Amino acid sequence: MELAVIGKSEFVTGFRLAGVRKVYETTDTAATESVVKSVLEDKSVGILVMHNDDIGNLPEILRKNLNESVQPTVVALGGSGSGSNLRDKIKQAVGVDLWK
């Protein structure tokens, strides 16, 4: 299983420098939407990392698919809502709210 990262140049550069091979740099929402759809179909990707703001700009049905995706597991980083999103992901994976 591989790690994939999708986002703007500022977001993906660190992952590229860290050696992540599947880095997809996008410049607008349409390009991001297209890349997300192709990565969701890629069976070799186990974890998909995106910026929370980029996920928020996607169409609602695609956001729902990302939130419910088991493989790849989607991790949202950054942005204003990332803390609650991480909390929800951990609760979904573990079955217990660890913040309580």
PDB file of N, CA and C in Angstrom:
ATOM      1  N   MET A   1       0.834  -1.187   0.000  1.00  0.00           N
ATOM      2  CA  MET A   1       0.000   0.000   0.000  1.00  0.00           C
ATOM      3  C   MET A   1       0.875   1.244   0.000  1.00  0.00           C
ATOM      4  N   GLU A   2       0.437   2.214  -0.751  1.00  0.00           N
ATOM      5  CA  GLU A   2       1.202   3.444  -0.880  1.00  0.00           C
ATOM      6  C   GLU A   2       0.437   4.632  -0.336  1.00  0.00           C
ATOM      7  N   LEU A   3       1.178   5.687  -0.067  1.00  0.00           N
ATOM      8  CA  LEU A   3       0.637   6.958   0.384  1.00  0.00           C
ATOM      9  C   LEU A   3       0.513   7.861  -0.828  1.00  0.00           C
ATOM     10  N   ALA A   4      -0.629   8.527  -0.969  1.00  0.00           N
ATOM     11  CA  ALA A   4      -0.822   9.493  -2.050  1.00  0.00           C
ATOM     12  C   ALA A   4      -1.177  10.832  -1.431  1.00  0.00           C
ATOM     13  N   VAL A   5      -0.692  11.901  -2.045  1.00  0.00           N
ATOM     14  CA  VAL A   5      -0.953  13.249  -1.573  1.00  0.00           C
ATOM     15  C   VAL A   5      -1.472  14.070  -2.741  1.00  0.00           C
ATOM     16  N   ILE A   6      -2.560  14.795  -2.501  1.00  0.00           N
ATOM     17  CA  ILE A   6      -3.162  15.651  -3.526  1.00  0.00           C
ATOM     18  C   ILE A   6      -3.290  17.057  -2.958  1.00  0.00           C
ATOM     19  N   GLY A   7      -2.889  18.050  -3.742  1.00  0.00           N
ATOM     20  CA  GLY A   7      -3.084  19.421  -3.295  1.00  0.00           C
ATOM     21  C   GLY A   7      -2.252  20.421  -4.065  1.00  0.00           C
ATOM     22  N   LYS A   8      -2.293  21.635  -3.561  1.00  0.00           N
ATOM     23  CA  LYS A   8      -1.526  22.722  -4.157  1.00  0.00           C
ATOM     24  C   LYS A   8      -0.042  22.530  -3.876  1.00  0.00           C
ATOM     25  N   SER A   9       0.769  23.246  -4.619  1.00  0.00           N
ATOM     26  CA  SER A   9       2.217  23.116  -4.538  1.00  0.00           C
ATOM     27  C   SER A   9       2.738  23.281  -3.113  1.00  0.00           C
ATOM     28  N   GLU A  10       2.234  24.282  -2.397  1.00  0.00           N
ATOM     29  CA  GLU A  10       2.714  24.542  -1.034  1.00  0.00           C
ATOM     30  C   GLU A  10       2.440  23.366  -0.104  1.00  0.00           C
ATOM     31  N   PHE A  11       1.364  22.643  -0.349  1.00  0.00           N
ATOM     32  CA  PHE A  11       0.965  21.533   0.508  1.00  0.00           C
ATOM     33  C   PHE A  11       1.755  20.262   0.196  1.00  0.00           C
ATOM     34  N   VAL A  12       1.964  19.979  -1.075  1.00  0.00           N
ATOM     35  CA  VAL A  12       2.552  18.695  -1.459  1.00  0.00           C
ATOM     36  C   VAL A  12       4.079  18.671  -1.452  1.00  0.00           C
ATOM     37  N   THR A  13       4.708  19.832  -1.454  1.00  0.00           N
ATOM     38  CA  THR A  13       6.170  19.887  -1.562  1.00  0.00           C
ATOM     39  C   THR A  13       6.879  19.111  -0.458  1.00  0.00           C
ATOM     40  N   GLY A  14       6.463  19.271   0.767  1.00  0.00           N
ATOM     41  CA  GLY A  14       7.089  18.559   1.881  1.00  0.00           C
ATOM     42  C   GLY A  14       6.973  17.052   1.749  1.00  0.00           C
ATOM     43  N   PHE A  15       5.838  16.588   1.274  1.00  0.00           N
ATOM     44  CA  PHE A  15       5.653  15.150   1.075  1.00  0.00           C
ATOM     45  C   PHE A  15       6.573  14.639  -0.035  1.00  0.00           C
ATOM     46  N   ARG A  16       6.701  15.442  -1.084  1.00  0.00           N
ATOM     47  CA  ARG A  16       7.587  15.062  -2.184  1.00  0.00           C
ATOM     48  C   ARG A  16       9.030  14.971  -1.686  1.00  0.00           C
ATOM     49  N   LEU A  17       9.454  15.948  -0.878  1.00  0.00           N
ATOM     50  CA  LEU A  17      10.810  15.944  -0.332  1.00  0.00           C
ATOM     51  C   LEU A  17      11.036  14.776   0.628  1.00  0.00           C
ATOM     52  N   ALA A  18       9.958  14.327   1.276  1.00  0.00           N
ATOM     53  CA  ALA A  18      10.056  13.197   2.208  1.00  0.00           C
ATOM     54  C   ALA A  18      10.096  11.850   1.494  1.00  0.00           C
ATOM     55  N   GLY A  19       9.925  11.866   0.184  1.00  0.00           N
ATOM     56  CA  GLY A  19      10.037  10.628  -0.571  1.00  0.00           C
ATOM     57  C   GLY A  19       8.724   9.984  -0.977  1.00  0.00           C
ATOM     58  N   VAL A  20       7.611  10.657  -0.756  1.00  0.00           N
ATOM     59  CA  VAL A  20       6.327  10.109  -1.194  1.00  0.00           C
ATOM     60  C   VAL A  20       6.315  10.126  -2.722  1.00  0.00           C
ATOM     61  N   ARG A  21       6.011   8.980  -3.314  1.00  0.00           N
ATOM     62  CA  ARG A  21       6.076   8.852  -4.767  1.00  0.00           C
ATOM     63  C   ARG A  21       4.816   9.326  -5.480  1.00  0.00           C
ATOM     64  N   LYS A  22       3.672   9.102  -4.860  1.00  0.00           N
ATOM     65  CA  LYS A  22       2.415   9.467  -5.518  1.00  0.00           C
ATOM     66  C   LYS A  22       1.965  10.837  -5.005  1.00  0.00           C
ATOM     67  N   VAL A  23       2.548  11.870  -5.589  1.00  0.00           N
ATOM     68  CA  VAL A  23       2.225  13.247  -5.243  1.00  0.00           C
ATOM     69  C   VAL A  23       1.565  13.883  -6.453  1.00  0.00           C
ATOM     70  N   TYR A  24       0.367  14.411  -6.261  1.00  0.00           N
ATOM     71  CA  TYR A  24      -0.392  15.008  -7.353  1.00  0.00           C
ATOM     72  C   TYR A  24      -0.613  16.481  -7.033  1.00  0.00           C
ATOM     73  N   GLU A  25       0.068  17.330  -7.767  1.00  0.00           N
ATOM     74  CA  GLU A  25      -0.051  18.768  -7.573  1.00  0.00           C
ATOM     75  C   GLU A  25      -1.183  19.294  -8.442  1.00  0.00           C
ATOM     76  N   THR A  26      -2.140  19.991  -7.828  1.00  0.00           N
ATOM     77  CA  THR A  26      -3.282  20.525  -8.566  1.00  0.00           C
ATOM     78  C   THR A  26      -3.341  22.042  -8.365  1.00  0.00           C
ATOM     79  N   THR A  27      -3.969  22.714  -9.310  1.00  0.00           N
ATOM     80  CA  THR A  27      -4.034  24.167  -9.246  1.00  0.00           C
ATOM     81  C   THR A  27      -5.446  24.699  -9.060  1.00  0.00           C
ATOM     82  N   ASP A  28      -6.447  23.884  -9.356  1.00  0.00           N
ATOM     83  CA  ASP A  28      -7.829  24.346  -9.202  1.00  0.00           C
ATOM     84  C   ASP A  28      -8.735  23.187  -8.788  1.00  0.00           C
ATOM     85  N   THR A  29      -9.964  23.514  -8.476  1.00  0.00           N
ATOM     86  CA  THR A  29     -10.915  22.516  -7.972  1.00  0.00           C
ATOM     87  C   THR A  29     -11.222  21.441  -9.006  1.00  0.00           C
ATOM     88  N   ALA A  30     -11.338  21.816 -10.267  1.00  0.00           N
ATOM     89  CA  ALA A  30     -11.639  20.825 -11.310  1.00  0.00           C
ATOM     90  C   ALA A  30     -10.518  19.793 -11.427  1.00  0.00           C
ATOM     91  N   ALA A  31      -9.285  20.265 -11.385  1.00  0.00           N
ATOM     92  CA  ALA A  31      -8.147  19.340 -11.465  1.00  0.00           C
ATOM     93  C   ALA A  31      -8.099  18.455 -10.227  1.00  0.00           C
ATOM     94  N   THR A  32      -8.358  19.036  -9.068  1.00  0.00           N
ATOM     95  CA  THR A  32      -8.360  18.260  -7.828  1.00  0.00           C
ATOM     96  C   THR A  32      -9.426  17.174  -7.876  1.00  0.00           C
ATOM     97  N   GLU A  33     -10.607  17.529  -8.341  1.00  0.00           N
ATOM     98  CA  GLU A  33     -11.708  16.565  -8.435  1.00  0.00           C
ATOM     99  C   GLU A  33     -11.332  15.398  -9.342  1.00  0.00           C
ATOM    100  N   SER A  34     -10.735  15.687 -10.475  1.00  0.00           N
ATOM    101  CA  SER A  34     -10.334  14.644 -11.421  1.00  0.00           C
ATOM    102  C   SER A  34      -9.287  13.710 -10.814  1.00  0.00           C
ATOM    103  N   VAL A  35      -8.286  14.285 -10.142  1.00  0.00           N
ATOM    104  CA  VAL A  35      -7.222  13.472  -9.546  1.00  0.00           C
ATOM    105  C   VAL A  35      -7.765  12.634  -8.397  1.00  0.00           C
ATOM    106  N   VAL A  36      -8.653  13.215  -7.582  1.00  0.00           N
ATOM    107  CA  VAL A  36      -9.232  12.466  -6.456  1.00  0.00           C
ATOM    108  C   VAL A  36      -9.975  11.239  -6.977  1.00  0.00           C
ATOM    109  N   LYS A  37     -10.753  11.407  -8.021  1.00  0.00           N
ATOM    110  CA  LYS A  37     -11.503  10.280  -8.584  1.00  0.00           C
ATOM    111  C   LYS A  37     -10.561   9.173  -9.059  1.00  0.00           C
ATOM    112  N   SER A  38      -9.459   9.548  -9.698  1.00  0.00           N
ATOM    113  CA  SER A  38      -8.532   8.518 -10.184  1.00  0.00           C
ATOM    114  C   SER A  38      -7.791   7.845  -9.032  1.00  0.00           C
ATOM    115  N   VAL A  39      -7.445   8.595  -7.997  1.00  0.00           N
ATOM    116  CA  VAL A  39      -6.752   7.994  -6.856  1.00  0.00           C
ATOM    117  C   VAL A  39      -7.688   7.057  -6.089  1.00  0.00           C
ATOM    118  N   LEU A  40      -8.958   7.402  -5.992  1.00  0.00           N
ATOM    119  CA  LEU A  40      -9.915   6.518  -5.311  1.00  0.00           C
ATOM    120  C   LEU A  40     -10.034   5.171  -6.021  1.00  0.00           C
ATOM    121  N   GLU A  41      -9.790   5.143  -7.316  1.00  0.00           N
ATOM    122  CA  GLU A  41      -9.853   3.896  -8.082  1.00  0.00           C
ATOM    123  C   GLU A  41      -8.538   3.121  -8.075  1.00  0.00           C
ATOM    124  N   ASP A  42      -7.460   3.760  -7.628  1.00  0.00           N
ATOM    125  CA  ASP A  42      -6.133   3.130  -7.610  1.00  0.00           C
ATOM    126  C   ASP A  42      -6.030   2.205  -6.399  1.00  0.00           C
ATOM    127  N   LYS A  43      -6.014   0.913  -6.635  1.00  0.00           N
ATOM    128  CA  LYS A  43      -6.011  -0.079  -5.546  1.00  0.00           C
ATOM    129  C   LYS A  43      -4.684  -0.130  -4.794  1.00  0.00           C
ATOM    130  N   SER A  44      -3.630   0.480  -5.331  1.00  0.00           N
ATOM    131  CA  SER A  44      -2.343   0.467  -4.640  1.00  0.00           C
ATOM    132  C   SER A  44      -2.229   1.557  -3.573  1.00  0.00           C
ATOM    133  N   VAL A  45      -3.178   2.479  -3.546  1.00  0.00           N
ATOM    134  CA  VAL A  45      -3.146   3.580  -2.571  1.00  0.00           C
ATOM    135  C   VAL A  45      -3.893   3.156  -1.308  1.00  0.00           C
ATOM    136  N   GLY A  46      -3.194   3.207  -0.180  1.00  0.00           N
ATOM    137  CA  GLY A  46      -3.803   2.843   1.097  1.00  0.00           C
ATOM    138  C   GLY A  46      -4.204   4.047   1.927  1.00  0.00           C
ATOM    139  N   ILE A  47      -3.471   5.163   1.758  1.00  0.00           N
ATOM    140  CA  ILE A  47      -3.762   6.388   2.499  1.00  0.00           C
ATOM    141  C   ILE A  47      -3.701   7.558   1.530  1.00  0.00           C
ATOM    142  N   LEU A  48      -4.725   8.390   1.566  1.00  0.00           N
ATOM    143  CA  LEU A  48      -4.790   9.591   0.750  1.00  0.00           C
ATOM    144  C   LEU A  48      -4.753  10.794   1.680  1.00  0.00           C
ATOM    145  N   VAL A  49      -3.792  11.681   1.468  1.00  0.00           N
ATOM    146  CA  VAL A  49      -3.649  12.872   2.295  1.00  0.00           C
ATOM    147  C   VAL A  49      -4.028  14.094   1.464  1.00  0.00           C
ATOM    148  N   MET A  50      -4.899  14.922   2.030  1.00  0.00           N
ATOM    149  CA  MET A  50      -5.313  16.166   1.367  1.00  0.00           C
ATOM    150  C   MET A  50      -5.442  17.270   2.399  1.00  0.00           C
ATOM    151  N   HIS A  51      -5.408  18.507   1.918  1.00  0.00           N
ATOM    152  CA  HIS A  51      -5.668  19.653   2.782  1.00  0.00           C
ATOM    153  C   HIS A  51      -7.168  19.743   3.007  1.00  0.00           C
ATOM    154  N   ASN A  52      -7.567  20.044   4.220  1.00  0.00           N
ATOM    155  CA  ASN A  52      -8.986  20.108   4.572  1.00  0.00           C
ATOM    156  C   ASN A  52      -9.741  21.122   3.705  1.00  0.00           C
ATOM    157  N   ASP A  53      -9.112  22.240   3.366  1.00  0.00           N
ATOM    158  CA  ASP A  53      -9.770  23.246   2.527  1.00  0.00           C
ATOM    159  C   ASP A  53     -10.029  22.711   1.119  1.00  0.00           C
ATOM    160  N   ASP A  54      -9.105  21.902   0.589  1.00  0.00           N
ATOM    161  CA  ASP A  54      -9.305  21.313  -0.738  1.00  0.00           C
ATOM    162  C   ASP A  54     -10.474  20.330  -0.728  1.00  0.00           C
ATOM    163  N   ILE A  55     -10.587  19.561   0.335  1.00  0.00           N
ATOM    164  CA  ILE A  55     -11.719  18.636   0.458  1.00  0.00           C
ATOM    165  C   ILE A  55     -13.023  19.422   0.529  1.00  0.00           C
ATOM    166  N   GLY A  56     -13.007  20.524   1.257  1.00  0.00           N
ATOM    167  CA  GLY A  56     -14.203  21.359   1.397  1.00  0.00           C
ATOM    168  C   GLY A  56     -14.665  21.972   0.086  1.00  0.00           C
ATOM    169  N   ASN A  57     -13.766  22.138  -0.868  1.00  0.00           N
ATOM    170  CA  ASN A  57     -14.122  22.729  -2.162  1.00  0.00           C
ATOM    171  C   ASN A  57     -14.656  21.718  -3.161  1.00  0.00           C
ATOM    172  N   LEU A  58     -14.585  20.438  -2.836  1.00  0.00           N
ATOM    173  CA  LEU A  58     -15.071  19.395  -3.742  1.00  0.00           C
ATOM    174  C   LEU A  58     -16.595  19.311  -3.698  1.00  0.00           C
ATOM    175  N   PRO A  59     -17.209  18.746  -4.735  1.00  0.00           N
ATOM    176  CA  PRO A  59     -18.667  18.545  -4.711  1.00  0.00           C
ATOM    177  C   PRO A  59     -19.069  17.648  -3.530  1.00  0.00           C
ATOM    178  N   GLU A  60     -20.257  17.863  -3.020  1.00  0.00           N
ATOM    179  CA  GLU A  60     -20.704  17.163  -1.814  1.00  0.00           C
ATOM    180  C   GLU A  60     -20.676  15.645  -1.950  1.00  0.00           C
ATOM    181  N   ILE A  61     -21.069  15.119  -3.085  1.00  0.00           N
ATOM    182  CA  ILE A  61     -21.093  13.659  -3.242  1.00  0.00           C
ATOM    183  C   ILE A  61     -19.680  13.074  -3.182  1.00  0.00           C
ATOM    184  N   LEU A  62     -18.698  13.798  -3.734  1.00  0.00           N
ATOM    185  CA  LEU A  62     -17.313  13.333  -3.676  1.00  0.00           C
ATOM    186  C   LEU A  62     -16.766  13.444  -2.256  1.00  0.00           C
ATOM    187  N   ARG A  63     -17.136  14.512  -1.547  1.00  0.00           N
ATOM    188  CA  ARG A  63     -16.738  14.646  -0.131  1.00  0.00           C
ATOM    189  C   ARG A  63     -17.305  13.491   0.688  1.00  0.00           C
ATOM    190  N   LYS A  64     -18.547  13.120   0.403  1.00  0.00           N
ATOM    191  CA  LYS A  64     -19.168  12.005   1.121  1.00  0.00           C
ATOM    192  C   LYS A  64     -18.411  10.710   0.835  1.00  0.00           C
ATOM    193  N   ASN A  65     -18.030  10.495  -0.421  1.00  0.00           N
ATOM    194  CA  ASN A  65     -17.248   9.303  -0.769  1.00  0.00           C
ATOM    195  C   ASN A  65     -15.916   9.281  -0.036  1.00  0.00           C
ATOM    196  N   LEU A  66     -15.266  10.438   0.068  1.00  0.00           N
ATOM    197  CA  LEU A  66     -13.994  10.515   0.779  1.00  0.00           C
ATOM    198  C   LEU A  66     -14.178  10.218   2.266  1.00  0.00           C
ATOM    199  N   ASN A  67     -15.223  10.775   2.865  1.00  0.00           N
ATOM    200  CA  ASN A  67     -15.463  10.562   4.297  1.00  0.00           C
ATOM    201  C   ASN A  67     -15.793   9.117   4.629  1.00  0.00           C
ATOM    202  N   GLU A  68     -16.417   8.416   3.697  1.00  0.00           N
ATOM    203  CA  GLU A  68     -16.820   7.038   3.946  1.00  0.00           C
ATOM    204  C   GLU A  68     -15.802   6.022   3.424  1.00  0.00           C
ATOM    205  N   SER A  69     -14.767   6.500   2.767  1.00  0.00           N
ATOM    206  CA  SER A  69     -13.785   5.604   2.157  1.00  0.00           C
ATOM    207  C   SER A  69     -12.972   4.863   3.215  1.00  0.00           C
ATOM    208  N   VAL A  70     -12.891   3.544   3.048  1.00  0.00           N
ATOM    209  CA  VAL A  70     -12.066   2.716   3.922  1.00  0.00           C
ATOM    210  C   VAL A  70     -10.706   2.513   3.273  1.00  0.00           C
ATOM    211  N   GLN A  71     -10.708   2.249   1.980  1.00  0.00           N
ATOM    212  CA  GLN A  71      -9.456   2.139   1.243  1.00  0.00           C
ATOM    213  C   GLN A  71      -9.591   2.926  -0.043  1.00  0.00           C
ATOM    214  N   PRO A  72      -8.874   3.995  -0.190  1.00  0.00           N
ATOM    215  CA  PRO A  72      -7.878   4.472   0.756  1.00  0.00           C
ATOM    216  C   PRO A  72      -8.511   5.199   1.942  1.00  0.00           C
ATOM    217  N   THR A  73      -7.808   5.173   3.045  1.00  0.00           N
ATOM    218  CA  THR A  73      -8.202   5.974   4.193  1.00  0.00           C
ATOM    219  C   THR A  73      -7.795   7.403   3.885  1.00  0.00           C
ATOM    220  N   VAL A  74      -8.727   8.337   4.063  1.00  0.00           N
ATOM    221  CA  VAL A  74      -8.467   9.734   3.726  1.00  0.00           C
ATOM    222  C   VAL A  74      -8.122  10.496   4.997  1.00  0.00           C
ATOM    223  N   VAL A  75      -6.986  11.190   4.962  1.00  0.00           N
ATOM    224  CA  VAL A  75      -6.538  11.994   6.089  1.00  0.00           C
ATOM    225  C   VAL A  75      -6.520  13.443   5.636  1.00  0.00           C
ATOM    226  N   ALA A  76      -7.288  14.303   6.323  1.00  0.00           N
ATOM    227  CA  ALA A  76      -7.331  15.728   6.013  1.00  0.00           C
ATOM    228  C   ALA A  76      -6.426  16.467   6.990  1.00  0.00           C
ATOM    229  N   LEU A  77      -5.535  17.275   6.458  1.00  0.00           N
ATOM    230  CA  LEU A  77      -4.611  18.046   7.279  1.00  0.00           C
ATOM    231  C   LEU A  77      -4.821  19.531   7.030  1.00  0.00           C
ATOM    232  N   GLY A  78      -4.560  20.339   8.055  1.00  0.00           N
ATOM    233  CA  GLY A  78      -4.629  21.788   7.908  1.00  0.00           C
ATOM    234  C   GLY A  78      -6.042  22.303   7.839  1.00  0.00           C
ATOM    235  N   GLY A  79      -6.165  23.598   7.671  1.00  0.00           N
ATOM    236  CA  GLY A  79      -7.474  24.219   7.578  1.00  0.00           C
ATOM    237  C   GLY A  79      -8.129  24.378   8.923  1.00  0.00           C
ATOM    238  N   SER A  80      -9.272  25.014   8.930  1.00  0.00           N
ATOM    239  CA  SER A  80      -9.941  25.340  10.184  1.00  0.00           C
ATOM    240  C   SER A  80     -10.657  24.157  10.822  1.00  0.00           C
ATOM    241  N   GLY A  81     -11.103  23.184  10.024  1.00  0.00           N
ATOM    242  CA  GLY A  81     -11.884  22.084  10.588  1.00  0.00           C
ATOM    243  C   GLY A  81     -11.128  20.791  10.755  1.00  0.00           C
ATOM    244  N   SER A  82      -9.811  20.824  10.677  1.00  0.00           N
ATOM    245  CA  SER A  82      -9.048  19.578  10.662  1.00  0.00           C
ATOM    246  C   SER A  82      -9.087  18.842  11.990  1.00  0.00           C
ATOM    247  N   GLY A  83      -9.174  19.545  13.112  1.00  0.00           N
ATOM    248  CA  GLY A  83      -9.187  18.875  14.413  1.00  0.00           C
ATOM    249  C   GLY A  83     -10.401  17.996  14.588  1.00  0.00           C
ATOM    250  N   SER A  84     -11.566  18.517  14.258  1.00  0.00           N
ATOM    251  CA  SER A  84     -12.774  17.713  14.405  1.00  0.00           C
ATOM    252  C   SER A  84     -12.797  16.582  13.387  1.00  0.00           C
ATOM    253  N   ASN A  85     -12.250  16.815  12.193  1.00  0.00           N
ATOM    254  CA  ASN A  85     -12.210  15.769  11.187  1.00  0.00           C
ATOM    255  C   ASN A  85     -11.328  14.621  11.652  1.00  0.00           C
ATOM    256  N   LEU A  86     -10.180  14.923  12.220  1.00  0.00           N
ATOM    257  CA  LEU A  86      -9.294  13.896  12.745  1.00  0.00           C
ATOM    258  C   LEU A  86      -9.991  13.136  13.863  1.00  0.00           C
ATOM    259  N   ARG A  87     -10.688  13.859  14.714  1.00  0.00           N
ATOM    260  CA  ARG A  87     -11.433  13.234  15.813  1.00  0.00           C
ATOM    261  C   ARG A  87     -12.475  12.265  15.263  1.00  0.00           C
ATOM    262  N   ASP A  88     -13.192  12.683  14.248  1.00  0.00           N
ATOM    263  CA  ASP A  88     -14.205  11.812  13.642  1.00  0.00           C
ATOM    264  C   ASP A  88     -13.577  10.581  13.000  1.00  0.00           C
ATOM    265  N   LYS A  89     -12.429  10.753  12.334  1.00  0.00           N
ATOM    266  CA  LYS A  89     -11.751   9.623  11.705  1.00  0.00           C
ATOM    267  C   LYS A  89     -11.288   8.606  12.746  1.00  0.00           C
ATOM    268  N   ILE A  90     -10.730   9.099  13.853  1.00  0.00           N
ATOM    269  CA  ILE A  90     -10.271   8.184  14.907  1.00  0.00           C
ATOM    270  C   ILE A  90     -11.468   7.462  15.520  1.00  0.00           C
ATOM    271  N   LYS A  91     -12.543   8.184  15.758  1.00  0.00           N
ATOM    272  CA  LYS A  91     -13.754   7.565  16.323  1.00  0.00           C
ATOM    273  C   LYS A  91     -14.310   6.510  15.368  1.00  0.00           C
ATOM    274  N   GLN A  92     -14.281   6.797  14.078  1.00  0.00           N
ATOM    275  CA  GLN A  92     -14.767   5.848  13.084  1.00  0.00           C
ATOM    276  C   GLN A  92     -13.883   4.605  13.040  1.00  0.00           C
ATOM    277  N   ALA A  93     -12.568   4.791  13.118  1.00  0.00           N
ATOM    278  CA  ALA A  93     -11.634   3.670  13.024  1.00  0.00           C
ATOM    279  C   ALA A  93     -11.614   2.826  14.278  1.00  0.00           C
ATOM    280  N   VAL A  94     -11.620   3.468  15.456  1.00  0.00           N
ATOM    281  CA  VAL A  94     -11.471   2.763  16.719  1.00  0.00           C
ATOM    282  C   VAL A  94     -12.817   2.362  17.311  1.00  0.00           C
ATOM    283  N   GLY A  95     -13.835   3.180  17.025  1.00  0.00           N
ATOM    284  CA  GLY A  95     -15.157   2.890  17.578  1.00  0.00           C
ATOM    285  C   GLY A  95     -15.406   3.562  18.918  1.00  0.00           C
ATOM    286  N   VAL A  96     -14.454   4.369  19.380  1.00  0.00           N
ATOM    287  CA  VAL A  96     -14.579   5.058  20.659  1.00  0.00           C
ATOM    288  C   VAL A  96     -14.063   6.476  20.484  1.00  0.00           C
ATOM    289  N   ASP A  97     -14.740   7.429  21.123  1.00  0.00           N
ATOM    290  CA  ASP A  97     -14.276   8.809  21.107  1.00  0.00           C
ATOM    291  C   ASP A  97     -13.182   8.975  22.140  1.00  0.00           C
ATOM    292  N   LEU A  98     -11.942   9.062  21.691  1.00  0.00           N
ATOM    293  CA  LEU A  98     -10.786   9.114  22.599  1.00  0.00           C
ATOM    294  C   LEU A  98     -10.626  10.466  23.294  1.00  0.00           C
ATOM    295  N   TRP A  99     -11.354  11.485  22.818  1.00  0.00           N
ATOM    296  CA  TRP A  99     -11.235  12.813  23.435  1.00  0.00           C
ATOM    297  C   TRP A  99     -12.124  12.955  24.665  1.00  0.00           C
ATOM    298  N   LYS A 100     -12.994  12.014  24.929  1.00  0.00           N
ATOM    299  CA  LYS A 100     -13.892  12.105  26.101  1.00  0.00           C
ATOM    300  C   LYS A 100     -13.246  11.535  27.325  1.00  0.00           C
TER     301      LYS A 100
END
